Amino acid sequence: MKEKVVLTYKDLEGHLSEEIIWVVKIDDNSYKVDNIPFYAPNLAMGDIISVENDQGVLYFDDLIETSGHSTIQIIFFDSKQSEKVINKLEQLGCQWEDMKGQPYFAVDVPSDIDYNRIKIFLDIQFKNQVLDYKEACLSENHN
């Protein structure tokens, strides 16, 4: 059964912000991240985390084990190009989630994918002023 966990992080301006992610309970002390974080850094799909329960609300406590996945956060300057770029990322083996009605995407790069191919592709799109991206969580597999 999926549950929600609140992640607290510092945004680009240094203010505390919160993001809610889906997790699947493994045992009393650990949960597996079950979606791609949109904003929070240093967390990826499949990571194992611990949580604190504060009056029925689960809050991120600590990272127990990394999954080897990476998270890339993308914003498009030219929304007409987003479908083409996202389709190419799918062909390269990535999954993604989008912010409905906004040109913002969170991309999951599985551990067995050649990240260099993805980075080269995104760098070309960046140079062409189609998008900007952030490596929000780069695993050791992709470093």
N, C-alpha and C. Protein backbone atom coordinates (compact mmCIF):
# COMPACT_ATOMS: atom_id res chain seq x y z
N MET A 1 0.83 -1.17 0.00
CA MET A 1 0.00 0.00 0.00
C MET A 1 0.89 1.25 0.00
N LYS A 2 0.54 2.19 -0.86
CA LYS A 2 1.29 3.44 -0.94
C LYS A 2 0.91 4.37 0.20
N GLU A 3 1.92 5.09 0.67
CA GLU A 3 1.71 6.11 1.70
C GLU A 3 2.44 7.37 1.27
N LYS A 4 2.12 8.48 1.92
CA LYS A 4 2.76 9.75 1.61
C LYS A 4 3.78 10.10 2.68
N VAL A 5 4.89 10.68 2.23
CA VAL A 5 5.93 11.16 3.13
C VAL A 5 6.24 12.61 2.78
N VAL A 6 6.40 13.44 3.79
CA VAL A 6 6.75 14.84 3.60
C VAL A 6 8.26 14.99 3.64
N LEU A 7 8.81 15.60 2.58
CA LEU A 7 10.24 15.91 2.52
C LEU A 7 10.39 17.41 2.77
N THR A 8 11.29 17.78 3.65
CA THR A 8 11.60 19.18 3.87
C THR A 8 12.97 19.45 3.26
N TYR A 9 13.08 20.53 2.49
CA TYR A 9 14.34 20.86 1.82
C TYR A 9 14.44 22.38 1.67
N LYS A 10 15.62 22.85 1.31
CA LYS A 10 15.81 24.27 1.04
C LYS A 10 15.65 24.51 -0.46
N ASP A 11 14.79 25.49 -0.82
CA ASP A 11 14.59 25.81 -2.22
C ASP A 11 15.74 26.67 -2.75
N LEU A 12 15.61 27.13 -4.00
CA LEU A 12 16.69 27.88 -4.63
C LEU A 12 17.03 29.18 -3.91
N GLU A 13 16.05 29.75 -3.20
CA GLU A 13 16.29 30.98 -2.45
C GLU A 13 16.75 30.71 -1.02
N GLY A 14 16.88 29.45 -0.65
CA GLY A 14 17.33 29.09 0.69
C GLY A 14 16.21 28.99 1.72
N HIS A 15 14.96 29.07 1.27
CA HIS A 15 13.82 28.95 2.18
C HIS A 15 13.45 27.48 2.36
N LEU A 16 12.96 27.14 3.54
CA LEU A 16 12.47 25.78 3.76
C LEU A 16 11.19 25.55 2.97
N SER A 17 11.15 24.45 2.26
CA SER A 17 9.98 24.06 1.48
C SER A 17 9.66 22.60 1.76
N GLU A 18 8.49 22.19 1.33
CA GLU A 18 8.08 20.79 1.51
C GLU A 18 7.60 20.21 0.19
N GLU A 19 7.85 18.93 0.04
CA GLU A 19 7.34 18.16 -1.09
C GLU A 19 6.80 16.85 -0.53
N ILE A 20 5.70 16.40 -1.08
CA ILE A 20 5.13 15.12 -0.66
C ILE A 20 5.44 14.08 -1.73
N ILE A 21 6.00 12.96 -1.31
CA ILE A 21 6.30 11.87 -2.23
C ILE A 21 5.53 10.61 -1.81
N TRP A 22 5.37 9.71 -2.76
CA TRP A 22 4.77 8.41 -2.48
C TRP A 22 5.85 7.42 -2.10
N VAL A 23 5.53 6.57 -1.15
CA VAL A 23 6.44 5.51 -0.71
C VAL A 23 5.64 4.23 -0.50
N VAL A 24 6.37 3.12 -0.47
CA VAL A 24 5.79 1.81 -0.15
C VAL A 24 6.51 1.31 1.09
N LYS A 25 5.74 0.91 2.08
CA LYS A 25 6.31 0.44 3.34
C LYS A 25 6.99 -0.91 3.14
N ILE A 26 8.23 -1.01 3.62
CA ILE A 26 8.97 -2.26 3.57
C ILE A 26 8.84 -2.97 4.91
N ASP A 27 9.09 -2.23 5.98
CA ASP A 27 8.91 -2.73 7.34
C ASP A 27 8.62 -1.54 8.24
N ASP A 28 8.62 -1.74 9.54
CA ASP A 28 8.27 -0.65 10.46
C ASP A 28 9.20 0.55 10.37
N ASN A 29 10.43 0.33 9.91
CA ASN A 29 11.41 1.41 9.91
C ASN A 29 11.84 1.89 8.53
N SER A 30 11.41 1.22 7.48
CA SER A 30 11.90 1.62 6.16
C SER A 30 10.81 1.62 5.10
N TYR A 31 11.00 2.54 4.14
CA TYR A 31 10.06 2.75 3.05
C TYR A 31 10.84 2.92 1.76
N LYS A 32 10.24 2.47 0.66
CA LYS A 32 10.86 2.60 -0.66
C LYS A 32 10.18 3.76 -1.41
N VAL A 33 10.98 4.69 -1.93
CA VAL A 33 10.46 5.82 -2.69
C VAL A 33 9.80 5.29 -3.96
N ASP A 34 8.54 5.71 -4.20
CA ASP A 34 7.77 5.16 -5.30
C ASP A 34 7.31 6.22 -6.31
N ASN A 35 7.98 7.34 -6.35
CA ASN A 35 7.79 8.30 -7.43
C ASN A 35 9.04 9.15 -7.55
N ILE A 36 9.09 9.97 -8.57
CA ILE A 36 10.27 10.78 -8.85
C ILE A 36 10.11 12.13 -8.15
N PRO A 37 11.02 12.47 -7.25
CA PRO A 37 10.92 13.78 -6.58
C PRO A 37 11.02 14.94 -7.58
N PHE A 38 10.12 15.90 -7.46
CA PHE A 38 10.12 17.07 -8.34
C PHE A 38 11.09 18.14 -7.90
N TYR A 39 11.22 18.34 -6.61
CA TYR A 39 12.02 19.46 -6.11
C TYR A 39 13.13 19.05 -5.16
N ALA A 40 12.86 18.12 -4.29
CA ALA A 40 13.82 17.76 -3.24
C ALA A 40 15.09 17.16 -3.85
N PRO A 41 16.24 17.58 -3.35
CA PRO A 41 17.51 17.05 -3.86
C PRO A 41 17.90 15.74 -3.17
N ASN A 42 18.85 15.05 -3.79
CA ASN A 42 19.53 13.89 -3.19
C ASN A 42 18.62 12.72 -2.89
N LEU A 43 17.56 12.56 -3.67
CA LEU A 43 16.66 11.42 -3.49
C LEU A 43 16.18 10.97 -4.86
N ALA A 44 16.07 9.65 -5.04
CA ALA A 44 15.68 9.10 -6.33
C ALA A 44 14.68 7.97 -6.15
N MET A 45 14.04 7.62 -7.24
CA MET A 45 13.10 6.51 -7.29
C MET A 45 13.80 5.24 -6.79
N GLY A 46 13.13 4.53 -5.90
CA GLY A 46 13.65 3.26 -5.42
C GLY A 46 14.55 3.35 -4.20
N ASP A 47 14.96 4.56 -3.80
CA ASP A 47 15.77 4.71 -2.60
C ASP A 47 15.00 4.21 -1.38
N ILE A 48 15.71 3.69 -0.41
CA ILE A 48 15.10 3.24 0.84
C ILE A 48 15.36 4.32 1.89
N ILE A 49 14.28 4.75 2.55
CA ILE A 49 14.38 5.82 3.54
C ILE A 49 13.75 5.40 4.86
N SER A 50 14.13 6.11 5.91
CA SER A 50 13.43 5.98 7.19
C SER A 50 12.59 7.23 7.37
N VAL A 51 11.55 7.12 8.18
CA VAL A 51 10.65 8.24 8.41
C VAL A 51 10.37 8.41 9.90
N GLU A 52 9.88 9.58 10.24
CA GLU A 52 9.37 9.84 11.58
C GLU A 52 7.87 10.03 11.46
N ASN A 53 7.13 9.43 12.37
CA ASN A 53 5.69 9.59 12.39
C ASN A 53 5.35 10.64 13.44
N ASP A 54 4.81 11.77 12.98
CA ASP A 54 4.42 12.86 13.87
C ASP A 54 2.91 13.02 13.80
N GLN A 55 2.21 12.42 14.74
CA GLN A 55 0.75 12.47 14.83
C GLN A 55 0.08 12.02 13.53
N GLY A 56 0.58 10.93 12.98
CA GLY A 56 -0.01 10.34 11.79
C GLY A 56 0.54 10.85 10.48
N VAL A 57 1.42 11.86 10.52
CA VAL A 57 2.05 12.38 9.31
C VAL A 57 3.48 11.85 9.26
N LEU A 58 3.84 11.25 8.13
CA LEU A 58 5.17 10.70 7.97
C LEU A 58 6.11 11.76 7.39
N TYR A 59 7.27 11.94 8.04
CA TYR A 59 8.28 12.88 7.59
C TYR A 59 9.57 12.13 7.29
N PHE A 60 10.23 12.51 6.21
CA PHE A 60 11.52 11.94 5.86
C PHE A 60 12.49 12.13 7.02
N ASP A 61 13.21 11.06 7.37
CA ASP A 61 14.19 11.14 8.44
C ASP A 61 15.60 10.95 7.88
N ASP A 62 15.83 9.86 7.15
CA ASP A 62 17.19 9.58 6.69
C ASP A 62 17.15 8.67 5.48
N LEU A 63 18.20 8.75 4.68
CA LEU A 63 18.40 7.85 3.55
C LEU A 63 19.10 6.60 4.07
N ILE A 64 18.49 5.45 3.89
CA ILE A 64 19.07 4.19 4.36
C ILE A 64 19.92 3.54 3.28
N GLU A 65 19.38 3.49 2.06
CA GLU A 65 20.08 2.81 0.96
C GLU A 65 19.69 3.45 -0.36
N THR A 66 20.69 3.74 -1.19
CA THR A 66 20.40 4.30 -2.50
C THR A 66 20.04 3.18 -3.47
N SER A 67 19.24 3.53 -4.45
CA SER A 67 18.79 2.56 -5.45
C SER A 67 19.72 2.48 -6.64
N GLY A 68 20.59 3.48 -6.78
CA GLY A 68 21.43 3.55 -7.98
C GLY A 68 20.79 4.37 -9.08
N HIS A 69 19.54 4.78 -8.87
CA HIS A 69 18.85 5.63 -9.84
C HIS A 69 19.32 7.07 -9.65
N SER A 70 19.13 7.89 -10.68
CA SER A 70 19.39 9.33 -10.60
C SER A 70 18.11 10.08 -10.91
N THR A 71 18.03 11.32 -10.42
CA THR A 71 16.89 12.19 -10.68
C THR A 71 17.37 13.45 -11.36
N ILE A 72 16.73 13.77 -12.48
CA ILE A 72 17.01 15.00 -13.21
C ILE A 72 15.73 15.83 -13.22
N GLN A 73 15.85 17.10 -12.93
CA GLN A 73 14.71 18.01 -12.96
C GLN A 73 14.90 18.95 -14.15
N ILE A 74 13.88 19.01 -15.02
CA ILE A 74 13.98 19.75 -16.28
C ILE A 74 12.89 20.81 -16.35
N ILE A 75 13.27 22.01 -16.78
CA ILE A 75 12.30 23.04 -17.12
C ILE A 75 12.50 23.41 -18.59
N PHE A 76 11.40 23.49 -19.32
CA PHE A 76 11.47 23.81 -20.75
C PHE A 76 11.19 25.28 -20.99
N PHE A 77 12.01 25.89 -21.85
CA PHE A 77 11.79 27.27 -22.26
C PHE A 77 10.86 27.29 -23.47
N ASP A 78 10.90 26.22 -24.25
CA ASP A 78 10.07 26.08 -25.44
C ASP A 78 9.21 24.84 -25.25
N SER A 79 7.97 25.04 -24.79
CA SER A 79 7.10 23.90 -24.46
C SER A 79 6.78 23.05 -25.69
N LYS A 80 6.91 23.62 -26.88
CA LYS A 80 6.66 22.84 -28.11
C LYS A 80 7.70 21.74 -28.27
N GLN A 81 8.87 21.93 -27.68
CA GLN A 81 9.95 20.95 -27.80
C GLN A 81 9.89 19.87 -26.72
N SER A 82 9.08 20.07 -25.69
CA SER A 82 9.11 19.15 -24.55
C SER A 82 8.74 17.72 -24.95
N GLU A 83 7.74 17.56 -25.79
CA GLU A 83 7.32 16.21 -26.17
C GLU A 83 8.44 15.47 -26.90
N LYS A 84 9.12 16.16 -27.80
CA LYS A 84 10.23 15.55 -28.54
C LYS A 84 11.35 15.12 -27.59
N VAL A 85 11.70 16.00 -26.65
CA VAL A 85 12.78 15.70 -25.71
C VAL A 85 12.39 14.55 -24.79
N ILE A 86 11.19 14.59 -24.27
CA ILE A 86 10.73 13.54 -23.35
C ILE A 86 10.66 12.20 -24.07
N ASN A 87 10.19 12.20 -25.31
CA ASN A 87 10.15 10.95 -26.08
C ASN A 87 11.55 10.37 -26.26
N LYS A 88 12.53 11.23 -26.52
CA LYS A 88 13.92 10.76 -26.67
C LYS A 88 14.44 10.19 -25.34
N LEU A 89 14.12 10.86 -24.23
CA LEU A 89 14.54 10.34 -22.92
C LEU A 89 13.92 8.97 -22.64
N GLU A 90 12.66 8.79 -23.05
CA GLU A 90 12.02 7.47 -22.91
C GLU A 90 12.78 6.43 -23.74
N GLN A 91 13.15 6.79 -24.97
CA GLN A 91 13.90 5.87 -25.84
C GLN A 91 15.24 5.50 -25.22
N LEU A 92 15.82 6.42 -24.43
CA LEU A 92 17.09 6.17 -23.77
C LEU A 92 16.92 5.38 -22.47
N GLY A 93 15.65 5.06 -22.10
CA GLY A 93 15.39 4.21 -20.95
C GLY A 93 14.91 4.90 -19.69
N CYS A 94 14.60 6.19 -19.79
CA CYS A 94 14.17 6.95 -18.62
C CYS A 94 12.65 6.92 -18.46
N GLN A 95 12.20 7.20 -17.24
CA GLN A 95 10.80 7.43 -16.93
C GLN A 95 10.68 8.88 -16.50
N TRP A 96 9.48 9.42 -16.51
CA TRP A 96 9.30 10.82 -16.14
C TRP A 96 7.92 11.06 -15.54
N GLU A 97 7.82 12.18 -14.85
CA GLU A 97 6.55 12.70 -14.36
C GLU A 97 6.55 14.19 -14.66
N ASP A 98 5.38 14.75 -14.92
CA ASP A 98 5.32 16.18 -15.22
C ASP A 98 4.39 16.90 -14.26
N MET A 99 4.59 18.21 -14.18
CA MET A 99 3.70 19.08 -13.43
C MET A 99 2.60 19.49 -14.40
N LYS A 100 1.41 19.06 -14.13
CA LYS A 100 0.29 19.34 -15.04
C LYS A 100 0.20 20.83 -15.35
N GLY A 101 0.19 21.15 -16.64
CA GLY A 101 0.03 22.53 -17.08
C GLY A 101 1.28 23.39 -16.96
N GLN A 102 2.41 22.78 -16.56
CA GLN A 102 3.64 23.55 -16.43
C GLN A 102 4.76 22.84 -17.20
N PRO A 103 5.75 23.59 -17.64
CA PRO A 103 6.83 22.99 -18.44
C PRO A 103 7.94 22.38 -17.57
N TYR A 104 7.55 21.70 -16.50
CA TYR A 104 8.50 21.18 -15.54
C TYR A 104 8.35 19.67 -15.43
N PHE A 105 9.47 18.95 -15.55
CA PHE A 105 9.47 17.49 -15.55
C PHE A 105 10.52 16.96 -14.57
N ALA A 106 10.20 15.86 -13.93
CA ALA A 106 11.15 15.11 -13.12
C ALA A 106 11.42 13.81 -13.87
N VAL A 107 12.70 13.50 -14.05
CA VAL A 107 13.10 12.35 -14.86
C VAL A 107 13.88 11.36 -13.99
N ASP A 108 13.51 10.09 -14.10
CA ASP A 108 14.21 9.01 -13.41
C ASP A 108 15.14 8.32 -14.39
N VAL A 109 16.41 8.20 -14.00
CA VAL A 109 17.39 7.49 -14.80
C VAL A 109 17.74 6.21 -14.05
N PRO A 110 17.26 5.04 -14.52
CA PRO A 110 17.56 3.78 -13.85
C PRO A 110 19.06 3.51 -13.78
N SER A 111 19.45 2.69 -12.83
CA SER A 111 20.87 2.45 -12.55
C SER A 111 21.62 1.81 -13.71
N ASP A 112 20.94 1.06 -14.57
CA ASP A 112 21.62 0.35 -15.65
C ASP A 112 21.69 1.14 -16.96
N ILE A 113 21.28 2.40 -16.93
CA ILE A 113 21.28 3.24 -18.13
C ILE A 113 22.61 4.00 -18.24
N ASP A 114 23.11 4.15 -19.47
CA ASP A 114 24.34 4.92 -19.72
C ASP A 114 24.01 6.40 -19.60
N TYR A 115 24.39 6.99 -18.48
CA TYR A 115 24.04 8.38 -18.22
C TYR A 115 24.75 9.35 -19.17
N ASN A 116 25.92 9.00 -19.67
CA ASN A 116 26.63 9.89 -20.58
C ASN A 116 25.81 10.22 -21.81
N ARG A 117 25.09 9.25 -22.34
CA ARG A 117 24.22 9.50 -23.51
C ARG A 117 23.13 10.51 -23.18
N ILE A 118 22.57 10.40 -21.99
CA ILE A 118 21.50 11.31 -21.57
C ILE A 118 22.08 12.71 -21.36
N LYS A 119 23.21 12.79 -20.70
CA LYS A 119 23.83 14.10 -20.43
C LYS A 119 24.20 14.81 -21.72
N ILE A 120 24.78 14.11 -22.66
CA ILE A 120 25.13 14.71 -23.96
C ILE A 120 23.87 15.23 -24.65
N PHE A 121 22.81 14.44 -24.65
CA PHE A 121 21.55 14.87 -25.27
C PHE A 121 21.00 16.12 -24.59
N LEU A 122 20.97 16.13 -23.25
CA LEU A 122 20.43 17.30 -22.53
C LEU A 122 21.31 18.53 -22.72
N ASP A 123 22.62 18.35 -22.76
CA ASP A 123 23.52 19.48 -22.97
C ASP A 123 23.29 20.13 -24.34
N ILE A 124 23.02 19.33 -25.35
CA ILE A 124 22.71 19.87 -26.68
C ILE A 124 21.41 20.68 -26.62
N GLN A 125 20.40 20.16 -25.94
CA GLN A 125 19.13 20.87 -25.81
C GLN A 125 19.31 22.18 -25.04
N PHE A 126 20.16 22.15 -24.01
CA PHE A 126 20.45 23.35 -23.23
C PHE A 126 21.12 24.41 -24.11
N LYS A 127 22.12 23.98 -24.88
CA LYS A 127 22.83 24.92 -25.77
C LYS A 127 21.89 25.51 -26.82
N ASN A 128 20.89 24.73 -27.20
CA ASN A 128 19.90 25.21 -28.18
C ASN A 128 18.78 26.01 -27.51
N GLN A 129 18.92 26.29 -26.22
CA GLN A 129 17.98 27.10 -25.44
C GLN A 129 16.57 26.51 -25.40
N VAL A 130 16.49 25.20 -25.42
CA VAL A 130 15.21 24.50 -25.32
C VAL A 130 14.84 24.29 -23.86
N LEU A 131 15.86 24.04 -23.01
CA LEU A 131 15.59 23.66 -21.62
C LEU A 131 16.77 24.01 -20.73
N ASP A 132 16.53 23.88 -19.44
CA ASP A 132 17.59 23.87 -18.44
C ASP A 132 17.31 22.66 -17.56
N TYR A 133 18.36 22.11 -17.00
CA TYR A 133 18.15 20.94 -16.15
C TYR A 133 19.09 20.96 -14.96
N LYS A 134 18.67 20.20 -13.95
CA LYS A 134 19.44 20.09 -12.72
C LYS A 134 19.59 18.60 -12.39
N GLU A 135 20.80 18.20 -12.09
CA GLU A 135 21.05 16.83 -11.63
C GLU A 135 20.77 16.83 -10.13
N ALA A 136 19.51 16.64 -9.78
CA ALA A 136 19.07 16.75 -8.39
C ALA A 136 19.61 15.62 -7.52
N CYS A 137 19.80 14.45 -8.12
CA CYS A 137 20.36 13.31 -7.41
C CYS A 137 21.12 12.47 -8.44
N LEU A 138 22.41 12.50 -8.35
CA LEU A 138 23.24 11.76 -9.30
C LEU A 138 23.89 10.59 -8.57
N SER A 139 23.50 9.39 -8.96
CA SER A 139 24.00 8.20 -8.27
C SER A 139 25.46 7.92 -8.61
N GLU A 140 26.09 7.09 -7.81
CA GLU A 140 27.47 6.69 -8.08
C GLU A 140 27.56 5.97 -9.41
N ASN A 141 26.50 5.27 -9.82
CA ASN A 141 26.48 4.57 -11.10
C ASN A 141 26.60 5.54 -12.27
N HIS A 142 26.14 6.77 -12.08
CA HIS A 142 26.09 7.76 -13.16
C HIS A 142 27.10 8.87 -13.00
N ASN A 143 27.89 8.84 -11.95
CA ASN A 143 28.82 9.91 -11.66
C ASN A 143 30.05 9.85 -12.53
